[in-house]
PDB file of N, CA and C in Angstrom:
ATOM      1  N   UNK A   1      -6.944 -14.545   4.268  1.00  0.00           N
ATOM      2  CA  UNK A   1      -6.037 -13.638   3.586  1.00  0.00           C
ATOM      3  C   UNK A   1      -4.626 -13.897   4.109  1.00  0.00           C
ATOM      4  N   UNK A   2      -3.712 -14.204   3.210  1.00  0.00           N
ATOM      5  CA  UNK A   2      -2.316 -14.455   3.572  1.00  0.00           C
ATOM      6  C   UNK A   2      -1.523 -13.163   3.450  1.00  0.00           C
ATOM      7  N   UNK A   3      -0.323 -13.172   4.013  1.00  0.00           N
ATOM      8  CA  UNK A   3       0.466 -11.958   3.960  1.00  0.00           C
ATOM      9  C   UNK A   3       1.954 -12.194   4.050  1.00  0.00           C
ATOM     10  N   UNK A   4       2.684 -11.134   3.733  1.00  0.00           N
ATOM     11  CA  UNK A   4       4.142 -11.121   3.841  1.00  0.00           C
ATOM     12  C   UNK A   4       4.563  -9.809   4.483  1.00  0.00           C
ATOM     13  N   UNK A   5       5.799  -9.781   4.917  1.00  0.00           N
ATOM     14  CA  UNK A   5       6.389  -8.561   5.435  1.00  0.00           C
ATOM     15  C   UNK A   5       7.801  -8.447   4.875  1.00  0.00           C
ATOM     16  N   UNK A   6       8.246  -7.218   4.671  1.00  0.00           N
ATOM     17  CA  UNK A   6       9.603  -6.992   4.179  1.00  0.00           C
ATOM     18  C   UNK A   6      10.043  -5.580   4.571  1.00  0.00           C
ATOM     19  N   UNK A   7      11.363  -5.357   4.626  1.00  0.00           N
ATOM     20  CA  UNK A   7      11.876  -4.044   4.999  1.00  0.00           C
ATOM     21  C   UNK A   7      11.453  -2.973   3.987  1.00  0.00           C
ATOM     22  N   UNK A   8      11.134  -1.802   4.509  1.00  0.00           N
ATOM     23  CA  UNK A   8      10.774  -0.682   3.633  1.00  0.00           C
ATOM     24  C   UNK A   8      12.020  -0.090   2.966  1.00  0.00           C
ATOM     25  N   UNK A   9      13.158  -0.346   3.554  1.00  0.00           N
ATOM     26  CA  UNK A   9      14.424   0.155   2.990  1.00  0.00           C
ATOM     27  C   UNK A   9      15.213  -1.005   2.406  1.00  0.00           C
ATOM     28  N   UNK A  10      15.642  -0.843   1.166  1.00  0.00           N
ATOM     29  CA  UNK A  10      16.527  -1.790   0.494  1.00  0.00           C
ATOM     30  C   UNK A  10      17.758  -0.991   0.109  1.00  0.00           C
ATOM     31  N   UNK A  11      18.760  -1.046   0.966  1.00  0.00           N
ATOM     32  CA  UNK A  11      19.911  -0.172   0.788  1.00  0.00           C
ATOM     33  C   UNK A  11      19.464   1.259   1.022  1.00  0.00           C
ATOM     34  N   UNK A  12      19.718   2.129   0.059  1.00  0.00           N
ATOM     35  CA  UNK A  12      19.296   3.529   0.166  1.00  0.00           C
ATOM     36  C   UNK A  12      17.931   3.773  -0.466  1.00  0.00           C
ATOM     37  N   UNK A  13      17.335   2.726  -1.006  1.00  0.00           N
ATOM     38  CA  UNK A  13      16.038   2.835  -1.690  1.00  0.00           C
ATOM     39  C   UNK A  13      14.896   2.576  -0.719  1.00  0.00           C
ATOM     40  N   UNK A  14      13.984   3.551  -0.603  1.00  0.00           N
ATOM     41  CA  UNK A  14      12.787   3.386   0.211  1.00  0.00           C
ATOM     42  C   UNK A  14      11.650   2.925  -0.692  1.00  0.00           C
ATOM     43  N   UNK A  15      10.986   1.844  -0.307  1.00  0.00           N
ATOM     44  CA  UNK A  15       9.844   1.322  -1.059  1.00  0.00           C
ATOM     45  C   UNK A  15       8.624   2.167  -0.687  1.00  0.00           C
ATOM     46  N   UNK A  16       8.120   2.917  -1.643  1.00  0.00           N
ATOM     47  CA  UNK A  16       7.001   3.826  -1.397  1.00  0.00           C
ATOM     48  C   UNK A  16       5.663   3.122  -1.619  1.00  0.00           C
ATOM     49  N   UNK A  17       4.611   3.747  -1.120  1.00  0.00           N
ATOM     50  CA  UNK A  17       3.261   3.257  -1.389  1.00  0.00           C
ATOM     51  C   UNK A  17       3.007   3.265  -2.893  1.00  0.00           C
ATOM     52  N   UNK A  18       3.485   4.294  -3.574  1.00  0.00           N
ATOM     53  CA  UNK A  18       3.313   4.361  -5.033  1.00  0.00           C
ATOM     54  C   UNK A  18       3.945   3.154  -5.715  1.00  0.00           C
ATOM     55  N   UNK A  19       5.126   2.778  -5.277  1.00  0.00           N
ATOM     56  CA  UNK A  19       5.805   1.622  -5.864  1.00  0.00           C
ATOM     57  C   UNK A  19       4.998   0.349  -5.644  1.00  0.00           C
ATOM     58  N   UNK A  20       4.456   0.179  -4.447  1.00  0.00           N
ATOM     59  CA  UNK A  20       3.654  -1.014  -4.177  1.00  0.00           C
ATOM     60  C   UNK A  20       2.384  -1.035  -5.024  1.00  0.00           C
ATOM     61  N   UNK A  21       1.756   0.118  -5.189  1.00  0.00           N
ATOM     62  CA  UNK A  21       0.550   0.179  -6.027  1.00  0.00           C
ATOM     63  C   UNK A  21       0.862  -0.251  -7.455  1.00  0.00           C
ATOM     64  N   UNK A  22       1.992   0.197  -7.968  1.00  0.00           N
ATOM     65  CA  UNK A  22       2.396  -0.186  -9.329  1.00  0.00           C
ATOM     66  C   UNK A  22       2.684  -1.682  -9.382  1.00  0.00           C
ATOM     67  N   UNK A  23       3.327  -2.218  -8.352  1.00  0.00           N
ATOM     68  CA  UNK A  23       3.650  -3.652  -8.316  1.00  0.00           C
ATOM     69  C   UNK A  23       2.404  -4.528  -8.261  1.00  0.00           C
ATOM     70  N   UNK A  24       1.277  -3.981  -7.794  1.00  0.00           N
ATOM     71  CA  UNK A  24       0.032  -4.759  -7.781  1.00  0.00           C
ATOM     72  C   UNK A  24      -0.459  -5.060  -9.189  1.00  0.00           C
ATOM     73  N   UNK A  25      -0.043  -4.248 -10.145  1.00  0.00           N
ATOM     74  CA  UNK A  25      -0.424  -4.465 -11.538  1.00  0.00           C
ATOM     75  C   UNK A  25      -1.922  -4.425 -11.738  1.00  0.00           C
ATOM     76  N   UNK A  26      -2.421  -5.250 -12.631  1.00  0.00           N
ATOM     77  CA  UNK A  26      -3.839  -5.236 -12.974  1.00  0.00           C
ATOM     78  C   UNK A  26      -4.720  -5.635 -11.792  1.00  0.00           C
ATOM     79  N   UNK A  27      -4.174  -6.392 -10.836  1.00  0.00           N
ATOM     80  CA  UNK A  27      -4.941  -6.782  -9.652  1.00  0.00           C
ATOM     81  C   UNK A  27      -5.458  -5.554  -8.904  1.00  0.00           C
ATOM     82  N   UNK A  28      -4.656  -4.502  -8.867  1.00  0.00           N
ATOM     83  CA  UNK A  28      -5.017  -3.319  -8.094  1.00  0.00           C
ATOM     84  C   UNK A  28      -5.791  -2.251  -8.831  1.00  0.00           C
ATOM     85  N   UNK A  29      -5.929  -2.378 -10.138  1.00  0.00           N
ATOM     86  CA  UNK A  29      -6.514  -1.290 -10.932  1.00  0.00           C
ATOM     87  C   UNK A  29      -7.948  -0.942 -10.585  1.00  0.00           C
ATOM     88  N   UNK A  30      -8.783  -1.912 -10.317  1.00  0.00           N
ATOM     89  CA  UNK A  30     -10.205  -1.643 -10.095  1.00  0.00           C
ATOM     90  C   UNK A  30     -10.592  -1.550  -8.619  1.00  0.00           C
ATOM     91  N   UNK A  31      -9.604  -1.441  -7.753  1.00  0.00           N
ATOM     92  CA  UNK A  31      -9.904  -1.382  -6.325  1.00  0.00           C
ATOM     93  C   UNK A  31     -10.285   0.027  -5.886  1.00  0.00           C
ATOM     94  N   UNK A  32     -11.060   0.098  -4.825  1.00  0.00           N
ATOM     95  CA  UNK A  32     -11.365   1.353  -4.142  1.00  0.00           C
ATOM     96  C   UNK A  32     -10.552   1.355  -2.858  1.00  0.00           C
ATOM     97  N   UNK A  33      -9.906   2.470  -2.576  1.00  0.00           N
ATOM     98  CA  UNK A  33      -8.953   2.541  -1.481  1.00  0.00           C
ATOM     99  C   UNK A  33      -9.418   3.437  -0.350  1.00  0.00           C
ATOM    100  N   UNK A  34      -9.128   2.975   0.851  1.00  0.00           N
ATOM    101  CA  UNK A  34      -9.297   3.770   2.059  1.00  0.00           C
ATOM    102  C   UNK A  34      -7.931   3.778   2.738  1.00  0.00           C
ATOM    103  N   UNK A  35      -7.466   4.962   3.102  1.00  0.00           N
ATOM    104  CA  UNK A  35      -6.146   5.103   3.704  1.00  0.00           C
ATOM    105  C   UNK A  35      -6.287   5.785   5.059  1.00  0.00           C
ATOM    106  N   UNK A  36      -5.606   5.233   6.048  1.00  0.00           N
ATOM    107  CA  UNK A  36      -5.601   5.809   7.393  1.00  0.00           C
ATOM    108  C   UNK A  36      -4.163   6.028   7.832  1.00  0.00           C
ATOM    109  N   UNK A  37      -3.959   7.093   8.590  1.00  0.00           N
ATOM    110  CA  UNK A  37      -2.629   7.466   9.053  1.00  0.00           C
ATOM    111  C   UNK A  37      -2.619   7.651  10.563  1.00  0.00           C
ATOM    112  N   UNK A  38      -1.532   7.211  11.190  1.00  0.00           N
ATOM    113  CA  UNK A  38      -1.305   7.550  12.590  1.00  0.00           C
ATOM    114  C   UNK A  38      -0.526   8.858  12.680  1.00  0.00           C
ATOM    115  N   UNK A  39       0.293   9.132  11.641  1.00  0.00           N
ATOM    116  CA  UNK A  39       1.068  10.358  11.579  1.00  0.00           C
ATOM    117  C   UNK A  39       0.906  10.993  10.214  1.00  0.00           C
ATOM    118  N   UNK A  40       0.594  12.292  10.211  1.00  0.00           N
ATOM    119  CA  UNK A  40       0.458  13.027   8.957  1.00  0.00           C
ATOM    120  C   UNK A  40       1.785  13.722   8.670  1.00  0.00           C
ATOM    121  N   UNK A  41       2.543  13.159   7.732  1.00  0.00           N
ATOM    122  CA  UNK A  41       3.891  13.653   7.459  1.00  0.00           C
ATOM    123  C   UNK A  41       3.947  14.599   6.269  1.00  0.00           C
ATOM    124  N   UNK A  42       2.822  14.771   5.593  1.00  0.00           N
ATOM    125  CA  UNK A  42       2.790  15.556   4.365  1.00  0.00           C
ATOM    126  C   UNK A  42       1.346  15.994   4.129  1.00  0.00           C
ATOM    127  N   UNK A  43       1.129  17.169   3.522  1.00  0.00           N
ATOM    128  CA  UNK A  43      -0.245  17.593   3.232  1.00  0.00           C
ATOM    129  C   UNK A  43      -1.032  16.598   2.367  1.00  0.00           C
ATOM    130  N   UNK A  44      -0.324  15.806   1.581  1.00  0.00           N
ATOM    131  CA  UNK A  44      -1.012  14.815   0.745  1.00  0.00           C
ATOM    132  C   UNK A  44      -1.694  13.747   1.603  1.00  0.00           C
ATOM    133  N   UNK A  45      -1.172  13.507   2.806  1.00  0.00           N
ATOM    134  CA  UNK A  45      -1.796  12.535   3.708  1.00  0.00           C
ATOM    135  C   UNK A  45      -3.198  12.993   4.088  1.00  0.00           C
ATOM    136  N   UNK A  46      -3.352  14.269   4.346  1.00  0.00           N
ATOM    137  CA  UNK A  46      -4.661  14.824   4.689  1.00  0.00           C
ATOM    138  C   UNK A  46      -5.626  14.632   3.520  1.00  0.00           C
ATOM    139  N   UNK A  47      -5.146  14.903   2.320  1.00  0.00           N
ATOM    140  CA  UNK A  47      -5.982  14.751   1.125  1.00  0.00           C
ATOM    141  C   UNK A  47      -6.361  13.288   0.904  1.00  0.00           C
ATOM    142  N   UNK A  48      -5.422  12.378   1.120  1.00  0.00           N
ATOM    143  CA  UNK A  48      -5.723  10.947   0.958  1.00  0.00           C
ATOM    144  C   UNK A  48      -6.790  10.500   1.949  1.00  0.00           C
ATOM    145  N   UNK A  49      -6.655  10.934   3.190  1.00  0.00           N
ATOM    146  CA  UNK A  49      -7.642  10.523   4.187  1.00  0.00           C
ATOM    147  C   UNK A  49      -9.004  11.128   3.876  1.00  0.00           C
ATOM    148  N   UNK A  50      -9.019  12.376   3.396  1.00  0.00           N
ATOM    149  CA  UNK A  50     -10.273  13.026   3.009  1.00  0.00           C
ATOM    150  C   UNK A  50     -10.954  12.267   1.875  1.00  0.00           C
ATOM    151  N   UNK A  51     -10.173  11.887   0.865  1.00  0.00           N
ATOM    152  CA  UNK A  51     -10.746  11.171  -0.284  1.00  0.00           C
ATOM    153  C   UNK A  51     -11.115   9.730   0.054  1.00  0.00           C
ATOM    154  N   UNK A  52     -10.582   9.225   1.169  1.00  0.00           N
ATOM    155  CA  UNK A  52     -10.906   7.875   1.612  1.00  0.00           C
ATOM    156  C   UNK A  52     -12.303   7.783   2.207  1.00  0.00           C
ATOM    157  N   UNK A  53     -12.840   8.911   2.610  1.00  0.00           N
ATOM    158  CA  UNK A  53     -14.161   8.914   3.236  1.00  0.00           C
ATOM    159  C   UNK A  53     -15.204   8.366   2.264  1.00  0.00           C
ATOM    160  N   UNK A  54     -16.277   7.879   2.802  1.00  0.00           N
ATOM    161  CA  UNK A  54     -17.384   7.322   2.025  1.00  0.00           C
ATOM    162  C   UNK A  54     -16.936   6.114   1.219  1.00  0.00           C
ATOM    163  N   UNK A  55     -17.005   6.180  -0.097  1.00  0.00           N
ATOM    164  CA  UNK A  55     -16.740   5.017  -0.951  1.00  0.00           C
ATOM    165  C   UNK A  55     -15.257   4.798  -1.236  1.00  0.00           C
ATOM    166  N   UNK A  56     -14.391   5.698  -0.801  1.00  0.00           N
ATOM    167  CA  UNK A  56     -12.965   5.568  -1.075  1.00  0.00           C
ATOM    168  C   UNK A  56     -12.588   6.173  -2.410  1.00  0.00           C
ATOM    169  N   UNK A  57     -11.339   5.984  -2.787  1.00  0.00           N
ATOM    170  CA  UNK A  57     -10.838   6.553  -4.048  1.00  0.00           C
ATOM    171  C   UNK A  57     -10.310   5.438  -4.936  1.00  0.00           C
ATOM    172  N   UNK A  58     -10.274   5.700  -6.228  1.00  0.00           N
ATOM    173  CA  UNK A  58      -9.766   4.691  -7.154  1.00  0.00           C
ATOM    174  C   UNK A  58      -8.238   4.650  -7.100  1.00  0.00           C
ATOM    175  N   UNK A  59      -7.677   3.632  -7.670  1.00  0.00           N
ATOM    176  CA  UNK A  59      -6.235   3.393  -7.612  1.00  0.00           C
ATOM    177  C   UNK A  59      -5.446   4.519  -8.260  1.00  0.00           C
ATOM    178  N   UNK A  60      -5.890   5.008  -9.402  1.00  0.00           N
ATOM    179  CA  UNK A  60      -5.139   6.065 -10.077  1.00  0.00           C
ATOM    180  C   UNK A  60      -5.136   7.356  -9.279  1.00  0.00           C
ATOM    181  N   UNK A  61      -6.225   7.662  -8.586  1.00  0.00           N
ATOM    182  CA  UNK A  61      -6.259   8.846  -7.730  1.00  0.00           C
ATOM    183  C   UNK A  61      -5.274   8.672  -6.579  1.00  0.00           C
ATOM    184  N   UNK A  62      -5.301   7.507  -5.942  1.00  0.00           N
ATOM    185  CA  UNK A  62      -4.364   7.255  -4.852  1.00  0.00           C
ATOM    186  C   UNK A  62      -2.928   7.336  -5.352  1.00  0.00           C
ATOM    187  N   UNK A  63      -2.663   6.753  -6.485  1.00  0.00           N
ATOM    188  CA  UNK A  63      -1.316   6.794  -7.050  1.00  0.00           C
ATOM    189  C   UNK A  63      -0.876   8.236  -7.298  1.00  0.00           C
ATOM    190  N   UNK A  64      -1.780   9.064  -7.801  1.00  0.00           N
ATOM    191  CA  UNK A  64      -1.421  10.467  -8.078  1.00  0.00           C
ATOM    192  C   UNK A  64      -1.089  11.231  -6.793  1.00  0.00           C
ATOM    193  N   UNK A  65      -1.668  10.814  -5.675  1.00  0.00           N
ATOM    194  CA  UNK A  65      -1.410  11.490  -4.403  1.00  0.00           C
ATOM    195  C   UNK A  65      -0.157  10.972  -3.686  1.00  0.00           C
ATOM    196  N   UNK A  66       0.381   9.863  -4.138  1.00  0.00           N
ATOM    197  CA  UNK A  66       1.542   9.276  -3.460  1.00  0.00           C
ATOM    198  C   UNK A  66       2.853   9.597  -4.152  1.00  0.00           C
ATOM    199  N   UNK A  67       2.795  10.277  -5.265  1.00  0.00           N
ATOM    200  CA  UNK A  67       4.023  10.604  -5.984  1.00  0.00           C
ATOM    201  C   UNK A  67       4.182  12.114  -6.042  1.00  0.00           C
ATOM    202  N   UNK A  68       5.351  12.680  -6.204  1.00  0.00           N
ATOM    203  CA  UNK A  68       6.626  11.961  -6.153  1.00  0.00           C
ATOM    204  C   UNK A  68       6.926  11.500  -4.736  1.00  0.00           C
ATOM    205  N   UNK A  69       8.081  10.921  -4.568  1.00  0.00           N
ATOM    206  CA  UNK A  69       8.547  10.312  -3.318  1.00  0.00           C
ATOM    207  C   UNK A  69       7.768  10.799  -2.098  1.00  0.00           C
ATOM    208  N   UNK A  70       7.060   9.897  -1.466  1.00  0.00           N
ATOM    209  CA  UNK A  70       6.338  10.191  -0.232  1.00  0.00           C
ATOM    210  C   UNK A  70       6.614   9.060   0.741  1.00  0.00           C
ATOM    211  N   UNK A  71       7.355   9.371   1.792  1.00  0.00           N
ATOM    212  CA  UNK A  71       7.675   8.388   2.815  1.00  0.00           C
ATOM    213  C   UNK A  71       6.635   8.491   3.921  1.00  0.00           C
ATOM    214  N   UNK A  72       5.998   7.377   4.243  1.00  0.00           N
ATOM    215  CA  UNK A  72       4.943   7.363   5.252  1.00  0.00           C
ATOM    216  C   UNK A  72       5.463   6.823   6.583  1.00  0.00           C
ATOM    217  N   UNK A  73       4.755   7.179   7.637  1.00  0.00           N
ATOM    218  CA  UNK A  73       5.034   6.644   8.962  1.00  0.00           C
ATOM    219  C   UNK A  73       3.711   6.125   9.513  1.00  0.00           C
ATOM    220  N   UNK A  74       3.628   4.843   9.730  1.00  0.00           N
ATOM    221  CA  UNK A  74       2.425   4.221  10.293  1.00  0.00           C
ATOM    222  C   UNK A  74       1.157   4.566   9.512  1.00  0.00           C
ATOM    223  N   UNK A  75       0.998   3.905   8.392  1.00  0.00           N
ATOM    224  CA  UNK A  75      -0.166   4.123   7.530  1.00  0.00           C
ATOM    225  C   UNK A  75      -0.688   2.771   7.046  1.00  0.00           C
ATOM    226  N   UNK A  76      -1.975   2.769   6.703  1.00  0.00           N
ATOM    227  CA  UNK A  76      -2.580   1.544   6.181  1.00  0.00           C
ATOM    228  C   UNK A  76      -3.508   1.899   5.035  1.00  0.00           C
ATOM    229  N   UNK A  77      -3.332   1.200   3.919  1.00  0.00           N
ATOM    230  CA  UNK A  77      -4.182   1.376   2.740  1.00  0.00           C
ATOM    231  C   UNK A  77      -4.902   0.056   2.475  1.00  0.00           C
ATOM    232  N   UNK A  78      -6.229   0.117   2.443  1.00  0.00           N
ATOM    233  CA  UNK A  78      -7.049  -1.070   2.199  1.00  0.00           C
ATOM    234  C   UNK A  78      -7.726  -0.929   0.846  1.00  0.00           C
ATOM    235  N   UNK A  79      -7.478  -1.881  -0.032  1.00  0.00           N
ATOM    236  CA  UNK A  79      -8.099  -1.897  -1.350  1.00  0.00           C
ATOM    237  C   UNK A  79      -9.229  -2.900  -1.384  1.00  0.00           C
ATOM    238  N   UNK A  80     -10.416  -2.441  -1.797  1.00  0.00           N
ATOM    239  CA  UNK A  80     -11.611  -3.293  -1.800  1.00  0.00           C
ATOM    240  C   UNK A  80     -12.259  -3.346  -3.169  1.00  0.00           C
ATOM    241  N   UNK A  81     -12.993  -4.418  -3.382  1.00  0.00           N
ATOM    242  CA  UNK A  81     -13.805  -4.582  -4.588  1.00  0.00           C
ATOM    243  C   UNK A  81     -15.094  -5.274  -4.179  1.00  0.00           C
ATOM    244  N   UNK A  82     -16.203  -4.743  -4.638  1.00  0.00           N
ATOM    245  CA  UNK A  82     -17.519  -5.319  -4.346  1.00  0.00           C
ATOM    246  C   UNK A  82     -17.720  -5.536  -2.844  1.00  0.00           C
ATOM    247  N   UNK A  83     -17.275  -4.570  -2.046  1.00  0.00           N
ATOM    248  CA  UNK A  83     -17.479  -4.622  -0.610  1.00  0.00           C
ATOM    249  C   UNK A  83     -16.568  -5.579   0.147  1.00  0.00           C
ATOM    250  N   UNK A  84     -15.582  -6.150  -0.523  1.00  0.00           N
ATOM    251  CA  UNK A  84     -14.669  -7.118   0.098  1.00  0.00           C
ATOM    252  C   UNK A  84     -13.238  -6.583   0.050  1.00  0.00           C
ATOM    253  N   UNK A  85     -12.554  -6.603   1.182  1.00  0.00           N
ATOM    254  CA  UNK A  85     -11.150  -6.178   1.212  1.00  0.00           C
ATOM    255  C   UNK A  85     -10.321  -7.205   0.450  1.00  0.00           C
ATOM    256  N   UNK A  86      -9.570  -6.720  -0.533  1.00  0.00           N
ATOM    257  CA  UNK A  86      -8.773  -7.592  -1.386  1.00  0.00           C
ATOM    258  C   UNK A  86      -7.279  -7.541  -1.057  1.00  0.00           C
ATOM    259  N   UNK A  87      -6.828  -6.379  -0.578  1.00  0.00           N
ATOM    260  CA  UNK A  87      -5.417  -6.197  -0.244  1.00  0.00           C
ATOM    261  C   UNK A  87      -5.293  -5.123   0.827  1.00  0.00           C
ATOM    262  N   UNK A  88      -4.334  -5.341   1.740  1.00  0.00           N
ATOM    263  CA  UNK A  88      -4.044  -4.367   2.787  1.00  0.00           C
ATOM    264  C   UNK A  88      -2.540  -4.120   2.777  1.00  0.00           C
ATOM    265  N   UNK A  89      -2.162  -2.851   2.622  1.00  0.00           N
ATOM    266  CA  UNK A  89      -0.762  -2.437   2.617  1.00  0.00           C
ATOM    267  C   UNK A  89      -0.530  -1.633   3.891  1.00  0.00           C
ATOM    268  N   UNK A  90       0.287  -2.157   4.797  1.00  0.00           N
ATOM    269  CA  UNK A  90       0.533  -1.495   6.074  1.00  0.00           C
ATOM    270  C   UNK A  90       1.999  -1.117   6.171  1.00  0.00           C
ATOM    271  N   UNK A  91       2.247   0.163   6.377  1.00  0.00           N
ATOM    272  CA  UNK A  91       3.607   0.677   6.520  1.00  0.00           C
ATOM    273  C   UNK A  91       3.825   0.933   8.009  1.00  0.00           C
ATOM    274  N   UNK A  92       4.843   0.303   8.581  1.00  0.00           N
ATOM    275  CA  UNK A  92       5.094   0.379  10.014  1.00  0.00           C
ATOM    276  C   UNK A  92       6.355   1.192  10.273  1.00  0.00           C
ATOM    277  N   UNK A  93       6.160   2.327  10.911  1.00  0.00           N
ATOM    278  CA  UNK A  93       7.266   3.157  11.384  1.00  0.00           C
ATOM    279  C   UNK A  93       8.301   3.476  10.302  1.00  0.00           C
ATOM    280  N   UNK A  94       7.868   3.600   9.084  1.00  0.00           N
ATOM    281  CA  UNK A  94       8.756   3.950   7.976  1.00  0.00           C
ATOM    282  C   UNK A  94       9.901   2.950   7.800  1.00  0.00           C
ATOM    283  N   UNK A  95       9.728   1.728   8.322  1.00  0.00           N
ATOM    284  CA  UNK A  95      10.817   0.772   8.225  1.00  0.00           C
ATOM    285  C   UNK A  95      10.396  -0.608   7.723  1.00  0.00           C
ATOM    286  N   UNK A  96       9.095  -0.880   7.701  1.00  0.00           N
ATOM    287  CA  UNK A  96       8.623  -2.222   7.372  1.00  0.00           C
ATOM    288  C   UNK A  96       7.282  -2.142   6.652  1.00  0.00           C
ATOM    289  N   UNK A  97       7.116  -2.980   5.640  1.00  0.00           N
ATOM    290  CA  UNK A  97       5.822  -3.133   4.975  1.00  0.00           C
ATOM    291  C   UNK A  97       5.249  -4.494   5.319  1.00  0.00           C
ATOM    292  N   UNK A  98       3.967  -4.531   5.594  1.00  0.00           N
ATOM    293  CA  UNK A  98       3.226  -5.779   5.727  1.00  0.00           C
ATOM    294  C   UNK A  98       2.141  -5.733   4.658  1.00  0.00           C
ATOM    295  N   UNK A  99       2.063  -6.770   3.850  1.00  0.00           N
ATOM    296  CA  UNK A  99       1.098  -6.821   2.758  1.00  0.00           C
ATOM    297  C   UNK A  99       0.279  -8.089   2.917  1.00  0.00           C
ATOM    298  N   UNK A 100      -1.040  -7.920   2.963  1.00  0.00           N
ATOM    299  CA  UNK A 100      -1.955  -9.062   2.990  1.00  0.00           C
ATOM    300  C   UNK A 100      -2.825  -8.976   1.741  1.00  0.00           C
ATOM    301  N   UNK A 101      -3.077 -10.127   1.125  1.00  0.00           N
ATOM    302  CA  UNK A 101      -3.867 -10.145  -0.110  1.00  0.00           C
ATOM    303  C   UNK A 101      -4.633 -11.454  -0.228  1.00  0.00           C
ATOM    304  N   UNK A 102      -5.778 -11.385  -0.895  1.00  0.00           N
ATOM    305  CA  UNK A 102      -6.573 -12.590  -1.132  1.00  0.00           C
ATOM    306  C   UNK A 102      -5.990 -13.427  -2.264  1.00  0.00           C
ATOM    307  N   UNK A 103      -5.184 -12.822  -3.105  1.00  0.00           N
ATOM    308  CA  UNK A 103      -4.605 -13.503  -4.261  1.00  0.00           C
ATOM    309  C   UNK A 103      -3.126 -13.781  -4.008  1.00  0.00           C
ATOM    310  N   UNK A 104      -2.784 -15.046  -3.912  1.00  0.00           N
ATOM    311  CA  UNK A 104      -1.403 -15.455  -3.640  1.00  0.00           C
ATOM    312  C   UNK A 104      -0.434 -14.948  -4.718  1.00  0.00           C
ATOM    313  N   UNK A 105      -0.929 -14.756  -5.942  1.00  0.00           N
ATOM    314  CA  UNK A 105      -0.052 -14.275  -7.024  1.00  0.00           C
ATOM    315  C   UNK A 105       0.508 -12.895  -6.712  1.00  0.00           C
ATOM    316  N   UNK A 106      -0.273 -12.066  -6.037  1.00  0.00           N
ATOM    317  CA  UNK A 106       0.198 -10.734  -5.641  1.00  0.00           C
ATOM    318  C   UNK A 106       1.380 -10.878  -4.692  1.00  0.00           C
ATOM    319  N   UNK A 107       1.238 -11.740  -3.711  1.00  0.00           N
ATOM    320  CA  UNK A 107       2.310 -11.943  -2.741  1.00  0.00           C
ATOM    321  C   UNK A 107       3.546 -12.555  -3.401  1.00  0.00           C
ATOM    322  N   UNK A 108       3.343 -13.475  -4.317  1.00  0.00           N
ATOM    323  CA  UNK A 108       4.470 -14.085  -5.032  1.00  0.00           C
ATOM    324  C   UNK A 108       5.241 -13.037  -5.831  1.00  0.00           C
ATOM    325  N   UNK A 109       4.521 -12.144  -6.479  1.00  0.00           N
ATOM    326  CA  UNK A 109       5.156 -11.073  -7.245  1.00  0.00           C
ATOM    327  C   UNK A 109       5.990 -10.173  -6.330  1.00  0.00           C
ATOM    328  N   UNK A 110       5.455  -9.832  -5.184  1.00  0.00           N
ATOM    329  CA  UNK A 110       6.185  -8.978  -4.247  1.00  0.00           C
ATOM    330  C   UNK A 110       7.390  -9.706  -3.669  1.00  0.00           C
ATOM    331  N   UNK A 111       7.271 -10.996  -3.419  1.00  0.00           N
ATOM    332  CA  UNK A 111       8.423 -11.775  -2.925  1.00  0.00           C
ATOM    333  C   UNK A 111       9.577 -11.730  -3.920  1.00  0.00           C
ATOM    334  N   UNK A 112       9.249 -11.784  -5.208  1.00  0.00           N
ATOM    335  CA  UNK A 112      10.291 -11.747  -6.241  1.00  0.00           C
ATOM    336  C   UNK A 112      11.020 -10.408  -6.255  1.00  0.00           C
ATOM    337  N   UNK A 113      10.306  -9.333  -5.998  1.00  0.00           N
ATOM    338  CA  UNK A 113      10.909  -8.000  -6.060  1.00  0.00           C
ATOM    339  C   UNK A 113      11.584  -7.577  -4.770  1.00  0.00           C
ATOM    340  N   UNK A 114      11.119  -8.084  -3.645  1.00  0.00           N
ATOM    341  CA  UNK A 114      11.640  -7.650  -2.356  1.00  0.00           C
ATOM    342  C   UNK A 114      12.234  -8.844  -1.613  1.00  0.00           C
ATOM    343  N   UNK A 115      13.514  -9.051  -1.874  1.00  0.00           N
ATOM    344  CA  UNK A 115      14.215 -10.168  -1.255  1.00  0.00           C
ATOM    345  C   UNK A 115      14.170  -9.990   0.266  1.00  0.00           C
ATOM    346  N   UNK A 116      14.082 -11.068   0.950  1.00  0.00           N
ATOM    347  CA  UNK A 116      14.009 -11.019   2.410  1.00  0.00           C
ATOM    348  C   UNK A 116      12.582 -10.961   2.927  1.00  0.00           C
ATOM    349  N   UNK A 117      11.600 -11.020   2.021  1.00  0.00           N
ATOM    350  CA  UNK A 117      10.192 -11.034   2.447  1.00  0.00           C
ATOM    351  C   UNK A 117       9.930 -12.333   3.202  1.00  0.00           C
ATOM    352  N   UNK A 118       9.180 -12.220   4.285  1.00  0.00           N
ATOM    353  CA  UNK A 118       8.818 -13.392   5.066  1.00  0.00           C
ATOM    354  C   UNK A 118       7.302 -13.453   5.214  1.00  0.00           C
ATOM    355  N   UNK A 119       6.794 -14.651   5.425  1.00  0.00           N
ATOM    356  CA  UNK A 119       5.355 -14.837   5.603  1.00  0.00           C
ATOM    357  C   UNK A 119       4.910 -14.302   6.956  1.00  0.00           C
ATOM    358  N   UNK A 120       3.709 -13.758   6.961  1.00  0.00           N
ATOM    359  CA  UNK A 120       3.124 -13.301   8.224  1.00  0.00           C
ATOM    360  C   UNK A 120       2.549 -14.485   8.977  1.00  0.00           C
TER     361      UNK A 120
END
């Protein structure tokens, strides 16, 4: 699994988990998500972790819990299909995103949108 990293802040714009989920496009639609937090910054974080238990939650459920604007601190969302992790979105200290994916096209798409992305 290859990966990239890029700043969570682009000027005054914070790249949210919701934005990244949307940027995954059709690749992310059928994934089951498990989300873990080091810091619970919002009641929605508790709900996300609760719904992550067992089989995880679908992408649309996760997306509904991440909007509107939700800034995370030290969180990781793992998207799986057929028991295999397909993508990992890691938010570090509300300042950096690290994205690992089995499909290079996902990383290429994110590189186009987030200038300054570097390979892990």
